[in-house]
N, C-alpha and C. Protein backbone atom coordinates (compact mmCIF):
# COMPACT_ATOMS: atom_id res chain seq x y z
N MET A 1 0.83 -1.19 0.00
CA MET A 1 0.00 0.00 0.00
C MET A 1 0.87 1.24 0.00
N THR A 2 0.40 2.25 -0.71
CA THR A 2 1.10 3.53 -0.70
C THR A 2 0.72 4.30 0.56
N GLY A 3 1.48 5.35 0.86
CA GLY A 3 1.17 6.18 2.02
C GLY A 3 -0.21 6.81 1.90
N ARG A 4 -0.56 7.24 0.69
CA ARG A 4 -1.88 7.84 0.46
C ARG A 4 -2.99 6.82 0.72
N GLU A 5 -2.78 5.59 0.31
CA GLU A 5 -3.78 4.54 0.53
C GLU A 5 -3.96 4.25 2.03
N VAL A 6 -2.86 4.27 2.77
CA VAL A 6 -2.95 4.04 4.22
C VAL A 6 -3.66 5.22 4.89
N GLN A 7 -3.37 6.45 4.44
CA GLN A 7 -4.09 7.61 4.98
C GLN A 7 -5.59 7.45 4.75
N LEU A 8 -5.96 7.07 3.54
CA LEU A 8 -7.38 6.89 3.22
C LEU A 8 -8.00 5.80 4.07
N LEU A 9 -7.30 4.70 4.26
CA LEU A 9 -7.81 3.61 5.09
C LEU A 9 -8.10 4.09 6.51
N HIS A 10 -7.18 4.84 7.09
CA HIS A 10 -7.40 5.37 8.45
C HIS A 10 -8.63 6.28 8.48
N LEU A 11 -8.79 7.12 7.47
CA LEU A 11 -9.93 8.03 7.44
C LEU A 11 -11.25 7.28 7.25
N VAL A 12 -11.24 6.23 6.45
CA VAL A 12 -12.45 5.42 6.26
C VAL A 12 -12.83 4.75 7.58
N LEU A 13 -11.85 4.21 8.29
CA LEU A 13 -12.13 3.58 9.59
C LEU A 13 -12.71 4.60 10.57
N LEU A 14 -12.13 5.80 10.59
CA LEU A 14 -12.66 6.86 11.46
C LEU A 14 -14.07 7.24 11.05
N ALA A 15 -14.33 7.34 9.75
CA ALA A 15 -15.67 7.69 9.26
C ALA A 15 -16.70 6.65 9.70
N VAL A 16 -16.35 5.38 9.64
CA VAL A 16 -17.26 4.31 10.07
C VAL A 16 -17.54 4.43 11.56
N GLU A 17 -16.51 4.71 12.36
CA GLU A 17 -16.68 4.85 13.80
C GLU A 17 -17.53 6.08 14.13
N LEU A 18 -17.31 7.19 13.41
CA LEU A 18 -18.12 8.39 13.64
C LEU A 18 -19.57 8.14 13.25
N ASP A 19 -19.79 7.42 12.17
CA ASP A 19 -21.15 7.08 11.75
C ASP A 19 -21.86 6.26 12.82
N ALA A 20 -21.15 5.32 13.42
CA ALA A 20 -21.73 4.49 14.49
C ALA A 20 -22.10 5.34 15.70
N LEU A 21 -21.43 6.47 15.87
CA LEU A 21 -21.73 7.39 16.97
C LEU A 21 -22.79 8.43 16.59
N GLY A 22 -23.31 8.32 15.36
CA GLY A 22 -24.34 9.23 14.91
C GLY A 22 -23.84 10.53 14.32
N ARG A 23 -22.56 10.61 13.99
CA ARG A 23 -21.97 11.83 13.42
C ARG A 23 -21.82 11.67 11.92
N SER A 24 -22.25 12.64 11.17
CA SER A 24 -22.07 12.59 9.72
C SER A 24 -20.68 13.13 9.38
N CYS A 25 -20.16 12.71 8.24
CA CYS A 25 -18.86 13.16 7.78
C CYS A 25 -18.73 12.84 6.29
N THR A 26 -17.76 13.46 5.66
CA THR A 26 -17.47 13.19 4.26
C THR A 26 -15.96 13.08 4.08
N ILE A 27 -15.56 12.30 3.09
CA ILE A 27 -14.15 12.17 2.76
C ILE A 27 -13.92 12.82 1.40
N ALA A 28 -12.93 13.69 1.32
CA ALA A 28 -12.59 14.36 0.08
C ALA A 28 -11.30 13.76 -0.48
N LEU A 29 -11.36 13.38 -1.74
CA LEU A 29 -10.19 12.85 -2.44
C LEU A 29 -9.85 13.78 -3.58
N ARG A 30 -8.66 14.32 -3.53
CA ARG A 30 -8.19 15.21 -4.60
C ARG A 30 -6.98 14.56 -5.24
N ALA A 31 -6.83 14.75 -6.52
CA ALA A 31 -5.78 14.06 -7.27
C ALA A 31 -4.38 14.36 -6.73
N TYR A 32 -4.12 15.58 -6.34
CA TYR A 32 -2.76 15.95 -5.95
C TYR A 32 -2.66 16.45 -4.51
N ASP A 33 -3.51 15.91 -3.64
CA ASP A 33 -3.48 16.32 -2.24
C ASP A 33 -3.81 15.10 -1.38
N VAL A 34 -3.59 15.22 -0.09
CA VAL A 34 -3.88 14.10 0.81
C VAL A 34 -5.38 13.98 1.03
N PRO A 35 -5.88 12.77 1.31
CA PRO A 35 -7.30 12.62 1.62
C PRO A 35 -7.64 13.35 2.92
N VAL A 36 -8.85 13.87 2.98
CA VAL A 36 -9.30 14.64 4.15
C VAL A 36 -10.70 14.18 4.54
N LEU A 37 -10.94 14.12 5.84
CA LEU A 37 -12.26 13.81 6.38
C LEU A 37 -12.83 15.10 6.96
N TYR A 38 -14.04 15.45 6.54
CA TYR A 38 -14.72 16.64 7.06
C TYR A 38 -15.85 16.23 7.99
N VAL A 39 -15.87 16.84 9.17
CA VAL A 39 -16.93 16.60 10.15
C VAL A 39 -17.64 17.94 10.37
N PRO A 40 -18.96 18.00 10.10
CA PRO A 40 -19.68 19.27 10.28
C PRO A 40 -19.69 19.72 11.75
N ARG A 41 -19.57 21.02 11.93
CA ARG A 41 -19.71 21.66 13.24
C ARG A 41 -20.63 22.85 13.09
N ALA A 42 -20.98 23.49 14.18
CA ALA A 42 -21.90 24.62 14.13
C ALA A 42 -21.34 25.76 13.27
N VAL A 43 -20.06 26.05 13.39
CA VAL A 43 -19.48 27.19 12.70
C VAL A 43 -18.84 26.79 11.37
N GLU A 44 -18.04 25.78 11.37
CA GLU A 44 -17.32 25.36 10.16
C GLU A 44 -17.05 23.86 10.25
N LYS A 45 -16.64 23.29 9.15
CA LYS A 45 -16.32 21.86 9.14
C LYS A 45 -14.95 21.63 9.76
N LEU A 46 -14.84 20.56 10.53
CA LEU A 46 -13.55 20.14 11.08
C LEU A 46 -12.85 19.32 10.00
N LYS A 47 -11.65 19.74 9.61
CA LYS A 47 -10.89 19.10 8.55
C LYS A 47 -9.82 18.21 9.19
N ILE A 48 -9.95 16.89 9.02
CA ILE A 48 -9.07 15.93 9.68
C ILE A 48 -8.22 15.20 8.64
N LYS A 49 -6.94 15.09 8.92
CA LYS A 49 -6.02 14.34 8.07
C LYS A 49 -5.41 13.21 8.89
N ALA A 50 -4.99 12.15 8.22
CA ALA A 50 -4.24 11.07 8.88
C ALA A 50 -2.76 11.32 8.58
N GLU A 51 -1.95 11.36 9.64
CA GLU A 51 -0.52 11.67 9.49
C GLU A 51 0.33 10.61 10.19
N LEU A 52 1.41 10.26 9.56
CA LEU A 52 2.38 9.34 10.15
C LEU A 52 3.46 10.16 10.84
N ARG A 53 3.62 9.94 12.14
CA ARG A 53 4.67 10.60 12.94
C ARG A 53 5.55 9.50 13.51
N GLY A 54 6.76 9.40 13.02
CA GLY A 54 7.62 8.29 13.42
C GLY A 54 7.04 7.01 12.89
N GLU A 55 6.63 6.13 13.78
CA GLU A 55 6.02 4.86 13.37
C GLU A 55 4.55 4.77 13.75
N GLN A 56 3.97 5.88 14.21
CA GLN A 56 2.58 5.87 14.67
C GLN A 56 1.72 6.82 13.83
N TRP A 57 0.49 6.38 13.54
CA TRP A 57 -0.47 7.19 12.81
C TRP A 57 -1.31 8.02 13.78
N PHE A 58 -1.60 9.24 13.35
CA PHE A 58 -2.41 10.17 14.13
C PHE A 58 -3.48 10.79 13.25
N TYR A 59 -4.57 11.21 13.89
CA TYR A 59 -5.55 12.08 13.24
C TYR A 59 -5.19 13.49 13.68
N ALA A 60 -5.11 14.41 12.72
CA ALA A 60 -4.70 15.78 13.03
C ALA A 60 -5.62 16.78 12.36
N TRP A 61 -5.84 17.92 13.03
CA TRP A 61 -6.64 19.01 12.48
C TRP A 61 -6.04 20.30 13.00
N GLY A 62 -6.20 21.36 12.27
CA GLY A 62 -5.64 22.64 12.69
C GLY A 62 -4.12 22.63 12.63
N ARG A 63 -3.53 23.66 13.19
CA ARG A 63 -2.07 23.82 13.12
C ARG A 63 -1.35 23.44 14.40
N SER A 64 -2.07 23.40 15.50
CA SER A 64 -1.44 23.15 16.79
C SER A 64 -1.13 21.66 16.97
N PRO A 65 0.06 21.34 17.52
CA PRO A 65 0.37 19.94 17.83
C PRO A 65 -0.60 19.32 18.83
N SER A 66 -1.31 20.16 19.60
CA SER A 66 -2.28 19.62 20.54
C SER A 66 -3.55 19.12 19.83
N ASN A 67 -3.69 19.46 18.56
CA ASN A 67 -4.83 19.00 17.76
C ASN A 67 -4.46 17.72 17.02
N ARG A 68 -4.04 16.75 17.79
CA ARG A 68 -3.60 15.47 17.22
C ARG A 68 -3.91 14.37 18.22
N VAL A 69 -4.51 13.28 17.72
CA VAL A 69 -4.79 12.12 18.58
C VAL A 69 -4.34 10.86 17.86
N PRO A 70 -3.90 9.85 18.60
CA PRO A 70 -3.50 8.60 17.96
C PRO A 70 -4.67 7.99 17.17
N ALA A 71 -4.35 7.42 16.04
CA ALA A 71 -5.37 6.77 15.19
C ALA A 71 -5.65 5.39 15.75
N ASP A 72 -6.47 5.37 16.78
CA ASP A 72 -6.84 4.10 17.40
C ASP A 72 -8.35 4.09 17.65
N GLY A 73 -8.85 3.07 18.27
CA GLY A 73 -10.28 2.92 18.47
C GLY A 73 -10.91 3.94 19.39
N ARG A 74 -10.10 4.73 20.10
CA ARG A 74 -10.65 5.73 21.03
C ARG A 74 -10.80 7.11 20.39
N ALA A 75 -10.22 7.31 19.23
CA ALA A 75 -10.19 8.64 18.62
C ALA A 75 -11.57 9.16 18.25
N ALA A 76 -12.43 8.31 17.73
CA ALA A 76 -13.73 8.76 17.22
C ALA A 76 -14.57 9.43 18.30
N ARG A 77 -14.59 8.88 19.50
CA ARG A 77 -15.41 9.48 20.57
C ARG A 77 -14.93 10.89 20.91
N GLY A 78 -13.63 11.07 21.02
CA GLY A 78 -13.09 12.39 21.31
C GLY A 78 -13.35 13.39 20.20
N ILE A 79 -13.18 12.96 18.96
CA ILE A 79 -13.43 13.83 17.82
C ILE A 79 -14.91 14.19 17.72
N ALA A 80 -15.78 13.20 17.92
CA ALA A 80 -17.22 13.46 17.88
C ALA A 80 -17.63 14.47 18.95
N ALA A 81 -17.09 14.34 20.14
CA ALA A 81 -17.42 15.27 21.23
C ALA A 81 -16.91 16.67 20.93
N MET A 82 -15.71 16.76 20.37
CA MET A 82 -15.12 18.06 20.08
C MET A 82 -15.83 18.75 18.92
N ALA A 83 -16.37 17.99 17.99
CA ALA A 83 -16.98 18.57 16.79
C ALA A 83 -18.42 19.00 16.99
N ARG A 84 -18.93 18.98 18.20
CA ARG A 84 -20.33 19.38 18.44
C ARG A 84 -20.53 20.85 18.30
């Protein structure tokens, strides 16, 4: 798998988990950019990317390093709560 394919896989898994929690989302695929997951919020959409840091995958949004969570089974609940 390419890095882009692994990014997409992580975002699809997150989308399925968010759907199970009752949160809607969309995945955007652009030919020359990384895949992005959008989660609607009251003001604007939360734009989430899957990023590899060292040997671990993270979901990241915004510019701050604090806007990053490990890409594991616990991420969806935190993201869903934050995106309200």
